[in-house]
Amino acid sequence: MLYPLLWLLAASFRPENEIFTSASIWPSSWSLDAYIRGWNGLRTSFSTFYLNSFIISGLSVIGNVMACSMAAFAFARLNFKFKNFWFAMMLMTLMLPYQVTLIPQYVLFRQLGWVNTFLPLVVPKFLAADGFFIFLMVQFFRGLPKELDEAAQMDGCSPWRIYWKIILPLSMPVLATAAIFTFIWTWDDFFGPLIYLSEMKTYTVMLGLRTFTDSTGESDYGGLFAMSVLSIVPIFLFFLFFQRLLIEGIATTGMKR
């Protein structure tokens, strides 16, 4: 399983003429030319792609964690009219393929003038549009004792204070799980940016990697492999720092209810 990753890492340090002529893991000579060429070889520096990806991924994490947790709190801890109906509607959105909503969303965002901006990739995250994370948090919130809410209400707490002061501090594992998955899925997303972003200065890392290959000319595979290695680093570090909370969150939401 590790061979493809090790081969990719070795290929990023090989001279260009040895990349596809040797199956050995160990390069005959080590070179950083592919990294230098890949970072600065395009019309736009790869640092711009990294900045764009961090902006989109960071805002998506904030939006998903806040909006989905508020929606989940309402479904799990509050009573309101047609609650079961809206919960069922939310679950139905999980079954809709992304391709079904793609064209209506594109038409809407085009009419709003959001195409070729980050807004179509970020704004839906602040509107609790991801049913998977709402369902995940609902399962976790339902596992917290109801007596906490009742005690807080007797002390005069409003639903907002119960959500902010009591529920969120106790829900760090599931919030971290949502944050990690949101970051990884947004960082790795190729299709969404491909649909909505058309200028190179707005490209994300995944769109930037595509520019190294050219079906009509010579492709820079050395630069592609070098930047592919660097594109994995943020995901690896994000998972490394929060893996304990991720495992705890998945285990807790899976065992209760």
Protein backbone atom coordinates (compact mmCIF):
# COMPACT_ATOMS: atom_id res chain seq x y z
CA MET A 1 0.00 0.00 0.00
CA LEU A 2 2.87 2.38 0.70
CA TYR A 3 4.70 1.68 -2.58
CA PRO A 4 2.75 4.25 -4.71
CA LEU A 5 3.32 6.95 -2.08
CA LEU A 6 7.02 6.11 -1.75
CA TRP A 7 7.38 6.02 -5.56
CA LEU A 8 5.70 9.46 -5.80
CA LEU A 9 8.04 10.85 -3.14
CA ALA A 10 11.10 9.37 -4.89
CA ALA A 11 9.95 10.59 -8.33
CA SER A 12 9.73 14.14 -7.03
CA PHE A 13 13.49 14.05 -6.32
CA ARG A 14 14.58 12.24 -9.52
CA PRO A 15 16.01 13.95 -12.60
CA GLU A 16 13.27 14.37 -15.26
CA ASN A 17 14.74 11.71 -17.57
CA GLU A 18 14.66 8.99 -14.85
CA ILE A 19 11.07 9.33 -13.64
CA PHE A 20 9.52 6.71 -15.93
CA THR A 21 12.64 4.68 -16.70
CA SER A 22 13.24 3.24 -13.23
CA ALA A 23 10.94 1.34 -10.86
CA SER A 24 13.41 1.60 -7.99
CA ILE A 25 12.36 3.48 -4.86
CA TRP A 26 15.81 4.94 -4.37
CA PRO A 27 16.77 7.64 -6.96
CA SER A 28 20.20 7.42 -8.56
CA SER A 29 20.69 11.08 -7.69
CA TRP A 30 18.72 13.51 -5.54
CA SER A 31 17.59 16.84 -6.94
CA LEU A 32 15.33 19.68 -5.75
CA ASP A 33 14.91 21.09 -9.27
CA ALA A 34 11.36 19.71 -9.59
CA TYR A 35 10.29 21.51 -6.40
CA ILE A 36 11.84 24.82 -7.50
CA ARG A 37 10.49 24.48 -11.04
CA GLY A 38 7.03 23.41 -9.84
CA TRP A 39 6.70 26.22 -7.28
CA ASN A 40 7.69 29.04 -9.61
CA GLY A 41 7.37 27.54 -13.09
CA LEU A 42 3.77 28.59 -13.82
CA ARG A 43 2.47 32.06 -14.64
CA THR A 44 1.13 32.19 -11.09
CA SER A 45 3.25 31.05 -8.14
CA PHE A 46 2.09 27.91 -6.37
CA SER A 47 1.94 29.95 -3.15
CA THR A 48 -1.15 31.67 -4.59
CA PHE A 49 -2.85 28.28 -5.05
CA TYR A 50 -1.97 27.36 -1.46
CA LEU A 51 -3.37 30.64 -0.13
CA ASN A 52 -6.61 30.16 -2.09
CA SER A 53 -6.99 26.61 -0.81
CA PHE A 54 -6.36 27.67 2.78
CA ILE A 55 -8.94 30.49 2.50
CA ILE A 56 -11.63 28.21 1.04
CA SER A 57 -10.87 25.29 3.38
CA GLY A 58 -10.61 27.50 6.48
CA LEU A 59 -13.89 29.31 5.83
CA SER A 60 -15.58 25.99 4.98
CA VAL A 61 -14.46 24.50 8.30
CA ILE A 62 -15.75 27.51 10.27
CA GLY A 63 -19.03 27.57 8.35
CA ASN A 64 -19.72 23.85 8.60
CA VAL A 65 -18.87 23.57 12.29
CA MET A 66 -20.96 26.58 13.35
CA ALA A 67 -23.97 26.22 11.03
CA CYS A 68 -24.28 22.43 11.25
CA SER A 69 -23.89 22.44 15.05
CA MET A 70 -26.69 25.01 15.41
CA ALA A 71 -28.98 23.01 13.13
CA ALA A 72 -28.12 19.81 14.97
CA PHE A 73 -28.78 21.47 18.35
CA ALA A 74 -32.24 22.49 17.15
CA PHE A 75 -33.07 18.97 15.97
CA ALA A 76 -31.62 17.26 19.05
CA ARG A 77 -32.57 19.55 21.95
CA LEU A 78 -35.43 21.88 20.92
CA ASN A 79 -39.10 21.33 20.16
CA PHE A 80 -40.73 23.12 17.24
CA LYS A 81 -43.50 22.53 14.70
CA PHE A 82 -42.88 19.93 11.98
CA LYS A 83 -39.56 19.00 13.60
CA ASN A 84 -39.73 15.37 12.44
CA PHE A 85 -40.74 16.44 8.92
CA TRP A 86 -37.78 18.80 8.55
CA PHE A 87 -35.45 16.21 10.01
CA ALA A 88 -36.67 13.69 7.44
CA MET A 89 -36.18 16.29 4.68
CA MET A 90 -32.64 16.86 5.90
CA LEU A 91 -31.96 13.12 5.79
CA MET A 92 -33.32 12.95 2.24
CA THR A 93 -30.70 15.45 1.10
CA LEU A 94 -28.07 12.84 2.02
CA MET A 95 -29.45 10.59 -0.73
CA LEU A 96 -29.29 13.21 -3.49
CA PRO A 97 -26.26 12.79 -5.80
CA TYR A 98 -24.20 15.95 -6.18
CA GLN A 99 -24.81 15.91 -9.93
CA VAL A 100 -28.58 16.39 -9.41
CA THR A 101 -28.15 19.79 -7.77
CA LEU A 102 -25.12 20.89 -9.79
CA ILE A 103 -26.91 22.65 -12.67
CA PRO A 104 -29.57 24.47 -10.54
CA GLN A 105 -26.83 25.64 -8.18
CA TYR A 106 -24.66 26.85 -11.05
CA VAL A 107 -27.57 28.78 -12.60
CA LEU A 108 -28.39 30.37 -9.23
CA PHE A 109 -24.80 31.38 -8.50
CA ARG A 110 -24.36 32.70 -12.04
CA GLN A 111 -27.45 34.90 -11.66
CA LEU A 112 -26.03 36.17 -8.38
CA GLY A 113 -22.75 37.03 -10.12
CA TRP A 114 -20.73 34.68 -7.90
CA VAL A 115 -19.07 32.62 -10.66
CA ASN A 116 -15.27 32.97 -10.67
CA THR A 117 -15.28 33.91 -6.98
CA PHE A 118 -14.90 31.84 -3.82
CA LEU A 119 -18.51 32.52 -2.75
CA PRO A 120 -20.14 29.42 -4.36
CA LEU A 121 -17.61 27.23 -2.55
CA VAL A 122 -17.90 28.95 0.85
CA VAL A 123 -21.37 30.48 1.38
CA PRO A 124 -23.32 27.14 1.35
CA LYS A 125 -21.13 25.98 4.25
CA PHE A 126 -22.55 28.81 6.40
CA LEU A 127 -26.12 27.72 5.57
CA ALA A 128 -25.89 24.20 7.03
CA ALA A 129 -26.06 22.63 3.59
CA ASP A 130 -24.18 19.46 4.56
CA GLY A 131 -26.69 16.97 5.98
CA PHE A 132 -24.03 14.42 6.86
CA PHE A 133 -22.45 16.62 9.53
CA ILE A 134 -25.86 17.67 10.90
CA PHE A 135 -26.83 14.03 11.31
CA LEU A 136 -23.45 13.23 12.91
CA MET A 137 -23.84 16.03 15.46
CA VAL A 138 -27.50 15.20 16.17
CA GLN A 139 -26.43 11.71 17.18
CA PHE A 140 -23.79 13.13 19.52
CA PHE A 141 -26.03 15.82 21.06
CA ARG A 142 -28.77 13.29 21.78
CA GLY A 143 -26.25 11.36 23.87
CA LEU A 144 -25.69 14.29 26.24
CA PRO A 145 -27.88 14.23 29.42
CA LYS A 146 -31.12 16.20 29.11
CA GLU A 147 -30.73 17.17 32.76
CA LEU A 148 -28.04 19.65 31.70
CA ASP A 149 -30.61 21.62 29.69
CA GLU A 150 -33.20 21.45 32.46
CA ALA A 151 -30.74 22.68 35.09
CA ALA A 152 -29.61 25.51 32.82
CA GLN A 153 -33.23 26.53 32.11
CA MET A 154 -33.94 26.66 35.85
CA ASP A 155 -30.99 29.04 36.16
CA GLY A 156 -32.49 31.26 33.47
CA CYS A 157 -30.38 30.26 30.47
CA SER A 158 -31.85 30.83 27.00
CA PRO A 159 -31.50 28.14 24.28
CA TRP A 160 -28.64 30.13 22.75
CA ARG A 161 -26.69 30.17 26.04
CA ILE A 162 -27.34 26.44 26.53
CA TYR A 163 -25.97 25.80 23.04
CA TRP A 164 -22.96 28.09 23.41
CA LYS A 165 -22.01 27.59 27.08
CA ILE A 166 -22.96 23.94 27.68
CA ILE A 167 -23.42 21.89 24.51
CA LEU A 168 -20.48 23.15 22.43
CA PRO A 169 -17.81 22.74 25.17
CA LEU A 170 -18.97 19.14 25.69
CA SER A 171 -18.94 18.38 21.96
CA MET A 172 -15.32 18.92 21.01
CA PRO A 173 -14.81 15.36 19.64
CA VAL A 174 -17.67 15.58 17.14
CA LEU A 175 -16.82 19.18 16.23
CA ALA A 176 -13.22 18.14 15.56
CA THR A 177 -14.45 15.22 13.45
CA ALA A 178 -16.57 17.58 11.34
CA ALA A 179 -13.69 20.04 11.04
CA ILE A 180 -11.19 17.38 9.91
CA PHE A 181 -13.48 15.83 7.30
CA THR A 182 -14.53 19.27 6.03
CA PHE A 183 -10.90 20.37 5.66
CA ILE A 184 -9.82 17.17 3.88
CA TRP A 185 -12.80 17.04 1.53
CA THR A 186 -12.57 20.75 0.70
CA TRP A 187 -8.80 20.69 0.20
CA ASP A 188 -9.06 17.63 -2.09
CA ASP A 189 -12.08 18.92 -3.99
CA PHE A 190 -11.33 19.22 -7.69
CA PHE A 191 -14.77 19.28 -9.29
CA GLY A 192 -16.25 22.26 -7.40
CA PRO A 193 -13.36 24.68 -8.11
CA LEU A 194 -13.23 23.40 -11.70
CA ILE A 195 -16.89 24.41 -12.21
CA TYR A 196 -16.78 27.83 -10.55
CA LEU A 197 -13.19 29.11 -10.95
CA SER A 198 -11.79 30.03 -14.37
CA GLU A 199 -8.92 32.48 -13.72
CA MET A 200 -5.56 31.08 -12.67
CA LYS A 201 -5.18 33.60 -9.82
CA THR A 202 -8.26 32.02 -8.17
CA TYR A 203 -7.16 28.40 -8.65
CA THR A 204 -6.84 26.04 -5.69
CA VAL A 205 -3.99 23.56 -5.24
CA MET A 206 -5.89 20.76 -7.01
CA LEU A 207 -6.58 22.95 -10.05
CA GLY A 208 -2.97 24.11 -9.98
CA LEU A 209 -1.75 20.51 -10.23
CA ARG A 210 -3.79 20.04 -13.40
CA THR A 211 -1.87 22.82 -15.16
CA PHE A 212 1.32 20.71 -15.11
CA THR A 213 -0.19 18.27 -17.63
CA ASP A 214 -0.90 19.27 -21.19
CA SER A 215 -2.56 16.91 -23.66
CA THR A 216 -1.30 18.92 -26.64
CA GLY A 217 2.27 19.62 -25.49
CA GLU A 218 5.00 18.54 -23.12
CA SER A 219 3.94 17.90 -19.52
CA ASP A 220 6.12 18.67 -16.50
CA TYR A 221 5.77 15.43 -14.54
CA GLY A 222 8.63 16.28 -12.20
CA GLY A 223 6.92 19.50 -11.11
CA LEU A 224 3.59 17.70 -10.90
CA PHE A 225 4.96 15.00 -8.58
CA ALA A 226 6.84 17.53 -6.43
CA MET A 227 3.78 19.74 -5.94
CA SER A 228 1.61 16.64 -5.36
CA VAL A 229 3.87 15.73 -2.44
CA LEU A 230 3.55 19.25 -1.01
CA SER A 231 -0.23 19.18 -1.48
CA ILE A 232 -0.46 16.20 0.89
CA VAL A 233 1.44 17.91 3.71
CA PRO A 234 -1.42 20.14 5.08
CA ILE A 235 -3.84 17.19 5.16
CA PHE A 236 -1.28 15.00 6.91
CA LEU A 237 -0.50 17.65 9.53
CA PHE A 238 -4.20 18.46 10.12
CA PHE A 239 -4.98 14.78 10.66
CA LEU A 240 -1.86 14.26 12.81
CA PHE A 241 -2.76 17.03 15.26
CA PHE A 242 -6.45 16.14 15.60
CA GLN A 243 -6.49 12.34 15.14
CA ARG A 244 -7.23 11.67 18.84
CA LEU A 245 -10.37 13.84 18.71
CA LEU A 246 -11.34 12.30 15.35
CA ILE A 247 -11.22 8.74 16.70
CA GLU A 248 -13.03 9.76 19.90
CA GLY A 249 -15.75 11.55 17.94
CA ILE A 250 -16.40 8.66 15.55
CA ALA A 251 -16.37 6.11 18.39
CA THR A 252 -18.79 8.16 20.51
CA THR A 253 -21.30 8.91 17.74
CA GLY A 254 -21.20 5.31 16.61
CA MET A 255 -21.75 3.73 20.02
CA LYS A 256 -24.59 5.88 21.33
CA ARG A 257 -28.17 5.55 20.19
